């Protein structure tokens, strides 16, 4: 059992070290996408937070349908923190929403430390 487990670890290590940096990054993103995160997105205007989305698992870059080129916005799903207190209230947890962020929007995305 231990030998099989050790062999598996060695093979995975060899596979990952043989990959290019871009492939390693894609693998890392896939693992994060699979495990999920507890992300918070804050949209800032005039030095103040004007909108906050919580419990975001990932932000994705949009790609064109016909040309498969990246679009100048990102999107995701999360819950709106209506009163901007950093705590999702019972009524805020009722509905997950879709959102988009433009390339020129000022925002901060981070994993919620709570």
C-alpha atoms as a PDB file:
ATOM      1  CA  UNK A   1       0.000   0.000   0.000  1.00  0.00           C
ATOM      2  CA  UNK A   2       2.744   2.449   1.003  1.00  0.00           C
ATOM      3  CA  UNK A   3       4.827   1.535  -2.074  1.00  0.00           C
ATOM      4  CA  UNK A   4       1.861   2.202  -4.387  1.00  0.00           C
ATOM      5  CA  UNK A   5       1.210   5.545  -2.724  1.00  0.00           C
ATOM      6  CA  UNK A   6       4.885   6.521  -2.929  1.00  0.00           C
ATOM      7  CA  UNK A   7       5.026   5.500  -6.593  1.00  0.00           C
ATOM      8  CA  UNK A   8       1.925   7.646  -7.300  1.00  0.00           C
ATOM      9  CA  UNK A   9       3.510  10.673  -5.636  1.00  0.00           C
ATOM     10  CA  UNK A  10       6.741  10.201  -7.609  1.00  0.00           C
ATOM     11  CA  UNK A  11       4.858   9.901 -10.918  1.00  0.00           C
ATOM     12  CA  UNK A  12       2.761  13.022 -10.228  1.00  0.00           C
ATOM     13  CA  UNK A  13       5.912  14.956  -9.285  1.00  0.00           C
ATOM     14  CA  UNK A  14       7.668  13.896 -12.487  1.00  0.00           C
ATOM     15  CA  UNK A  15       4.603  14.824 -14.560  1.00  0.00           C
ATOM     16  CA  UNK A  16       4.286  18.291 -13.002  1.00  0.00           C
ATOM     17  CA  UNK A  17       7.994  19.136 -13.251  1.00  0.00           C
ATOM     18  CA  UNK A  18       7.939  18.131 -16.923  1.00  0.00           C
ATOM     19  CA  UNK A  19       5.144  20.610 -17.687  1.00  0.00           C
ATOM     20  CA  UNK A  20       5.691  24.138 -18.905  1.00  0.00           C
ATOM     21  CA  UNK A  21       4.998  27.033 -16.530  1.00  0.00           C
ATOM     22  CA  UNK A  22       1.731  27.796 -18.345  1.00  0.00           C
ATOM     23  CA  UNK A  23       0.562  24.196 -17.989  1.00  0.00           C
ATOM     24  CA  UNK A  24       1.456  24.263 -14.284  1.00  0.00           C
ATOM     25  CA  UNK A  25      -0.550  27.482 -13.903  1.00  0.00           C
ATOM     26  CA  UNK A  26      -3.545  25.900 -15.640  1.00  0.00           C
ATOM     27  CA  UNK A  27      -3.303  22.869 -13.362  1.00  0.00           C
ATOM     28  CA  UNK A  28      -3.143  25.138 -10.317  1.00  0.00           C
ATOM     29  CA  UNK A  29      -6.209  27.088 -11.463  1.00  0.00           C
ATOM     30  CA  UNK A  30      -8.065  23.843 -12.139  1.00  0.00           C
ATOM     31  CA  UNK A  31      -7.326  22.631  -8.614  1.00  0.00           C
ATOM     32  CA  UNK A  32      -8.506  25.942  -7.123  1.00  0.00           C
ATOM     33  CA  UNK A  33     -11.615  25.831  -9.323  1.00  0.00           C
ATOM     34  CA  UNK A  34     -12.321  22.295  -8.194  1.00  0.00           C
ATOM     35  CA  UNK A  35     -11.761  22.916  -4.483  1.00  0.00           C
ATOM     36  CA  UNK A  36     -13.290  26.401  -4.548  1.00  0.00           C
ATOM     37  CA  UNK A  37     -12.399  29.470  -2.561  1.00  0.00           C
ATOM     38  CA  UNK A  38     -14.249  31.939  -0.398  1.00  0.00           C
ATOM     39  CA  UNK A  39     -13.563  35.016  -2.517  1.00  0.00           C
ATOM     40  CA  UNK A  40     -14.681  38.576  -1.933  1.00  0.00           C
ATOM     41  CA  UNK A  41     -14.879  41.154  -4.720  1.00  0.00           C
ATOM     42  CA  UNK A  42     -15.044  44.818  -3.784  1.00  0.00           C
ATOM     43  CA  UNK A  43     -15.747  47.454  -6.429  1.00  0.00           C
ATOM     44  CA  UNK A  44     -14.211  50.802  -5.528  1.00  0.00           C
ATOM     45  CA  UNK A  45     -15.092  54.298  -6.727  1.00  0.00           C
ATOM     46  CA  UNK A  46     -13.768  57.540  -5.310  1.00  0.00           C
ATOM     47  CA  UNK A  47     -11.815  55.663  -2.665  1.00  0.00           C
ATOM     48  CA  UNK A  48     -14.968  54.009  -1.272  1.00  0.00           C
ATOM     49  CA  UNK A  49     -16.383  50.519  -1.615  1.00  0.00           C
ATOM     50  CA  UNK A  50     -19.596  50.856  -3.597  1.00  0.00           C
ATOM     51  CA  UNK A  51     -20.434  47.168  -4.139  1.00  0.00           C
ATOM     52  CA  UNK A  52     -19.317  43.904  -2.542  1.00  0.00           C
ATOM     53  CA  UNK A  53     -19.855  40.349  -3.747  1.00  0.00           C
ATOM     54  CA  UNK A  54     -19.074  37.489  -1.380  1.00  0.00           C
ATOM     55  CA  UNK A  55     -18.606  33.717  -1.487  1.00  0.00           C
ATOM     56  CA  UNK A  56     -17.195  33.799  -5.008  1.00  0.00           C
ATOM     57  CA  UNK A  57     -15.540  30.577  -6.080  1.00  0.00           C
ATOM     58  CA  UNK A  58     -13.666  32.110  -9.024  1.00  0.00           C
ATOM     59  CA  UNK A  59     -13.465  34.998 -11.470  1.00  0.00           C
ATOM     60  CA  UNK A  60     -13.378  33.958 -15.108  1.00  0.00           C
ATOM     61  CA  UNK A  61     -12.191  35.781 -18.196  1.00  0.00           C
ATOM     62  CA  UNK A  62     -14.786  35.913 -20.956  1.00  0.00           C
ATOM     63  CA  UNK A  63     -13.846  34.533 -24.375  1.00  0.00           C
ATOM     64  CA  UNK A  64     -15.508  35.202 -27.716  1.00  0.00           C
ATOM     65  CA  UNK A  65     -17.697  32.471 -29.141  1.00  0.00           C
ATOM     66  CA  UNK A  66     -16.493  32.671 -32.738  1.00  0.00           C
ATOM     67  CA  UNK A  67     -12.919  33.938 -32.353  1.00  0.00           C
ATOM     68  CA  UNK A  68     -12.068  32.470 -28.908  1.00  0.00           C
ATOM     69  CA  UNK A  69     -10.211  35.680 -27.989  1.00  0.00           C
ATOM     70  CA  UNK A  70     -10.328  37.090 -24.462  1.00  0.00           C
ATOM     71  CA  UNK A  71     -12.894  39.824 -23.856  1.00  0.00           C
ATOM     72  CA  UNK A  72     -12.170  42.935 -21.761  1.00  0.00           C
ATOM     73  CA  UNK A  73     -14.251  41.826 -18.791  1.00  0.00           C
ATOM     74  CA  UNK A  74     -14.353  39.171 -16.095  1.00  0.00           C
ATOM     75  CA  UNK A  75     -17.382  37.462 -14.630  1.00  0.00           C
ATOM     76  CA  UNK A  76     -18.447  35.279 -11.749  1.00  0.00           C
ATOM     77  CA  UNK A  77     -21.199  34.324  -9.346  1.00  0.00           C
ATOM     78  CA  UNK A  78     -21.590  35.454  -5.761  1.00  0.00           C
ATOM     79  CA  UNK A  79     -23.859  37.012  -3.162  1.00  0.00           C
ATOM     80  CA  UNK A  80     -24.320  40.795  -2.890  1.00  0.00           C
ATOM     81  CA  UNK A  81     -23.464  42.247   0.512  1.00  0.00           C
ATOM     82  CA  UNK A  82     -26.216  44.869   0.396  1.00  0.00           C
ATOM     83  CA  UNK A  83     -25.233  46.756   3.566  1.00  0.00           C
ATOM     84  CA  UNK A  84     -21.452  46.388   2.988  1.00  0.00           C
ATOM     85  CA  UNK A  85     -20.855  45.040   6.494  1.00  0.00           C
ATOM     86  CA  UNK A  86     -18.810  42.035   5.325  1.00  0.00           C
ATOM     87  CA  UNK A  87     -21.326  39.558   6.746  1.00  0.00           C
ATOM     88  CA  UNK A  88     -23.963  37.890   4.623  1.00  0.00           C
ATOM     89  CA  UNK A  89     -27.342  38.334   6.260  1.00  0.00           C
ATOM     90  CA  UNK A  90     -30.117  35.763   5.959  1.00  0.00           C
ATOM     91  CA  UNK A  91     -31.910  37.699   3.197  1.00  0.00           C
ATOM     92  CA  UNK A  92     -28.635  38.204   1.265  1.00  0.00           C
ATOM     93  CA  UNK A  93     -27.958  34.439   1.178  1.00  0.00           C
ATOM     94  CA  UNK A  94     -31.213  33.681  -0.618  1.00  0.00           C
ATOM     95  CA  UNK A  95     -29.980  34.285  -4.134  1.00  0.00           C
ATOM     96  CA  UNK A  96     -26.676  33.916  -5.897  1.00  0.00           C
ATOM     97  CA  UNK A  97     -26.161  36.504  -8.645  1.00  0.00           C
ATOM     98  CA  UNK A  98     -24.133  36.718 -11.839  1.00  0.00           C
ATOM     99  CA  UNK A  99     -21.863  39.759 -12.223  1.00  0.00           C
ATOM    100  CA  UNK A 100     -19.404  41.202 -14.717  1.00  0.00           C
ATOM    101  CA  UNK A 101     -16.474  43.551 -14.137  1.00  0.00           C
ATOM    102  CA  UNK A 102     -15.155  45.723 -16.947  1.00  0.00           C
ATOM    103  CA  UNK A 103     -11.474  46.056 -17.782  1.00  0.00           C
ATOM    104  CA  UNK A 104     -11.437  49.625 -16.491  1.00  0.00           C
ATOM    105  CA  UNK A 105     -13.358  49.047 -13.251  1.00  0.00           C
ATOM    106  CA  UNK A 106     -11.396  49.408 -10.035  1.00  0.00           C
ATOM    107  CA  UNK A 107     -11.801  46.311  -7.928  1.00  0.00           C
ATOM    108  CA  UNK A 108     -10.108  44.158  -5.326  1.00  0.00           C
ATOM    109  CA  UNK A 109     -10.538  40.383  -5.259  1.00  0.00           C
ATOM    110  CA  UNK A 110      -9.309  38.402  -2.280  1.00  0.00           C
ATOM    111  CA  UNK A 111     -10.010  35.255  -0.295  1.00  0.00           C
ATOM    112  CA  UNK A 112     -12.139  35.934   2.754  1.00  0.00           C
ATOM    113  CA  UNK A 113      -9.991  35.313   5.840  1.00  0.00           C
ATOM    114  CA  UNK A 114     -13.043  34.501   8.003  1.00  0.00           C
END
